[in-house]
């Protein structure tokens, strides 16, 4: 994937959540990427929960894959509580 402007935001639909989205905010630091992962309100995009930050990722595709996995892990863990 080729992204020219940073930060780049991607939104992930959350199954069973009509009012929330997963948000991946990808940033570039020198030769690596970092991602801020949040759950946001669908309408206002205000942060509902901060999930994680991932740093030092070499490839943009890897950054997306790892951040989607972190979001899925967070949702799975929070539903088991």
C-alpha atoms as a PDB file:
ATOM      1  CA  UNK A   1       0.000   0.000   0.000  1.00  0.00           C
ATOM      2  CA  UNK A   2       1.290   3.454  -0.855  1.00  0.00           C
ATOM      3  CA  UNK A   3       0.447   6.363   1.451  1.00  0.00           C
ATOM      4  CA  UNK A   4       1.897   9.798   0.767  1.00  0.00           C
ATOM      5  CA  UNK A   5       0.444  11.897   3.586  1.00  0.00           C
ATOM      6  CA  UNK A   6       0.755  11.248   7.297  1.00  0.00           C
ATOM      7  CA  UNK A   7      -0.944  10.825   9.653  1.00  0.00           C
ATOM      8  CA  UNK A   8      -3.237   8.485   7.712  1.00  0.00           C
ATOM      9  CA  UNK A   9      -6.477   7.346   9.327  1.00  0.00           C
ATOM     10  CA  UNK A  10      -8.288   4.104   8.629  1.00  0.00           C
ATOM     11  CA  UNK A  11     -11.610   3.108  10.157  1.00  0.00           C
ATOM     12  CA  UNK A  12     -12.628  -0.472  10.935  1.00  0.00           C
ATOM     13  CA  UNK A  13     -16.254  -1.511  11.330  1.00  0.00           C
ATOM     14  CA  UNK A  14     -16.831  -3.285  14.637  1.00  0.00           C
ATOM     15  CA  UNK A  15     -19.295  -6.141  14.400  1.00  0.00           C
ATOM     16  CA  UNK A  16     -22.273  -5.658  16.702  1.00  0.00           C
ATOM     17  CA  UNK A  17     -21.344  -2.034  17.472  1.00  0.00           C
ATOM     18  CA  UNK A  18     -23.633   0.374  15.633  1.00  0.00           C
ATOM     19  CA  UNK A  19     -22.189   3.515  17.238  1.00  0.00           C
ATOM     20  CA  UNK A  20     -18.453   2.697  17.443  1.00  0.00           C
ATOM     21  CA  UNK A  21     -15.576   2.235  14.980  1.00  0.00           C
ATOM     22  CA  UNK A  22     -11.987   1.139  15.298  1.00  0.00           C
ATOM     23  CA  UNK A  23      -9.561   3.873  14.212  1.00  0.00           C
ATOM     24  CA  UNK A  24      -5.978   3.267  13.106  1.00  0.00           C
ATOM     25  CA  UNK A  25      -3.883   6.423  12.910  1.00  0.00           C
ATOM     26  CA  UNK A  26      -0.625   5.630  11.094  1.00  0.00           C
ATOM     27  CA  UNK A  27       2.322   7.994  11.401  1.00  0.00           C
ATOM     28  CA  UNK A  28       5.819   7.919   9.969  1.00  0.00           C
ATOM     29  CA  UNK A  29       8.997   8.464  12.002  1.00  0.00           C
ATOM     30  CA  UNK A  30      12.139   8.606   9.851  1.00  0.00           C
ATOM     31  CA  UNK A  31      12.244   5.109   8.293  1.00  0.00           C
ATOM     32  CA  UNK A  32       9.622   3.357  10.449  1.00  0.00           C
ATOM     33  CA  UNK A  33       5.942   3.653  11.262  1.00  0.00           C
ATOM     34  CA  UNK A  34       3.926   3.891  14.454  1.00  0.00           C
ATOM     35  CA  UNK A  35       0.194   3.405  14.926  1.00  0.00           C
ATOM     36  CA  UNK A  36      -2.245   4.786  17.484  1.00  0.00           C
ATOM     37  CA  UNK A  37      -5.205   2.420  17.853  1.00  0.00           C
ATOM     38  CA  UNK A  38      -8.473   3.716  19.314  1.00  0.00           C
ATOM     39  CA  UNK A  39     -12.162   2.935  19.435  1.00  0.00           C
ATOM     40  CA  UNK A  40     -14.094   6.060  18.477  1.00  0.00           C
ATOM     41  CA  UNK A  41     -17.718   7.159  18.350  1.00  0.00           C
ATOM     42  CA  UNK A  42     -19.039   6.788  14.816  1.00  0.00           C
ATOM     43  CA  UNK A  43     -20.627  10.244  14.491  1.00  0.00           C
ATOM     44  CA  UNK A  44     -18.232  12.537  16.348  1.00  0.00           C
ATOM     45  CA  UNK A  45     -15.016  10.451  16.042  1.00  0.00           C
ATOM     46  CA  UNK A  46     -14.333  11.195  19.723  1.00  0.00           C
ATOM     47  CA  UNK A  47     -12.205   8.582  21.458  1.00  0.00           C
ATOM     48  CA  UNK A  48     -14.283   6.064  23.416  1.00  0.00           C
ATOM     49  CA  UNK A  49     -11.284   3.869  24.373  1.00  0.00           C
ATOM     50  CA  UNK A  50      -7.558   3.948  23.688  1.00  0.00           C
ATOM     51  CA  UNK A  51      -6.445   0.453  22.670  1.00  0.00           C
ATOM     52  CA  UNK A  52      -2.696   0.624  22.072  1.00  0.00           C
ATOM     53  CA  UNK A  53       0.283   2.260  20.381  1.00  0.00           C
ATOM     54  CA  UNK A  54       2.661   0.252  18.199  1.00  0.00           C
ATOM     55  CA  UNK A  55       6.137   1.599  17.382  1.00  0.00           C
ATOM     56  CA  UNK A  56       9.081   0.760  15.153  1.00  0.00           C
ATOM     57  CA  UNK A  57       7.245  -1.074  12.380  1.00  0.00           C
ATOM     58  CA  UNK A  58       9.230  -1.269   9.142  1.00  0.00           C
ATOM     59  CA  UNK A  59       6.456  -1.737   6.555  1.00  0.00           C
ATOM     60  CA  UNK A  60       3.097   0.022   6.229  1.00  0.00           C
ATOM     61  CA  UNK A  61       1.273  -3.241   5.452  1.00  0.00           C
ATOM     62  CA  UNK A  62       2.746  -4.785   8.595  1.00  0.00           C
ATOM     63  CA  UNK A  63       1.627  -1.721  10.587  1.00  0.00           C
ATOM     64  CA  UNK A  64      -1.941  -2.188   9.384  1.00  0.00           C
ATOM     65  CA  UNK A  65      -1.938  -5.953   9.999  1.00  0.00           C
ATOM     66  CA  UNK A  66      -0.499  -5.645  13.511  1.00  0.00           C
ATOM     67  CA  UNK A  67      -2.846  -2.838  14.489  1.00  0.00           C
ATOM     68  CA  UNK A  68      -5.944  -4.723  13.274  1.00  0.00           C
ATOM     69  CA  UNK A  69      -4.759  -7.742  15.277  1.00  0.00           C
ATOM     70  CA  UNK A  70      -4.224  -5.559  18.379  1.00  0.00           C
ATOM     71  CA  UNK A  71      -7.749  -4.164  17.979  1.00  0.00           C
ATOM     72  CA  UNK A  72      -9.206  -7.683  17.628  1.00  0.00           C
ATOM     73  CA  UNK A  73      -7.287  -8.887  20.701  1.00  0.00           C
ATOM     74  CA  UNK A  74      -8.529  -5.919  22.737  1.00  0.00           C
ATOM     75  CA  UNK A  75     -12.139  -6.551  21.729  1.00  0.00           C
ATOM     76  CA  UNK A  76     -11.856 -10.282  22.461  1.00  0.00           C
ATOM     77  CA  UNK A  77     -10.289  -9.651  25.878  1.00  0.00           C
ATOM     78  CA  UNK A  78     -12.825  -6.979  26.841  1.00  0.00           C
ATOM     79  CA  UNK A  79     -15.761  -9.202  25.874  1.00  0.00           C
ATOM     80  CA  UNK A  80     -14.459 -11.985  28.168  1.00  0.00           C
ATOM     81  CA  UNK A  81     -14.582  -9.785  31.276  1.00  0.00           C
END
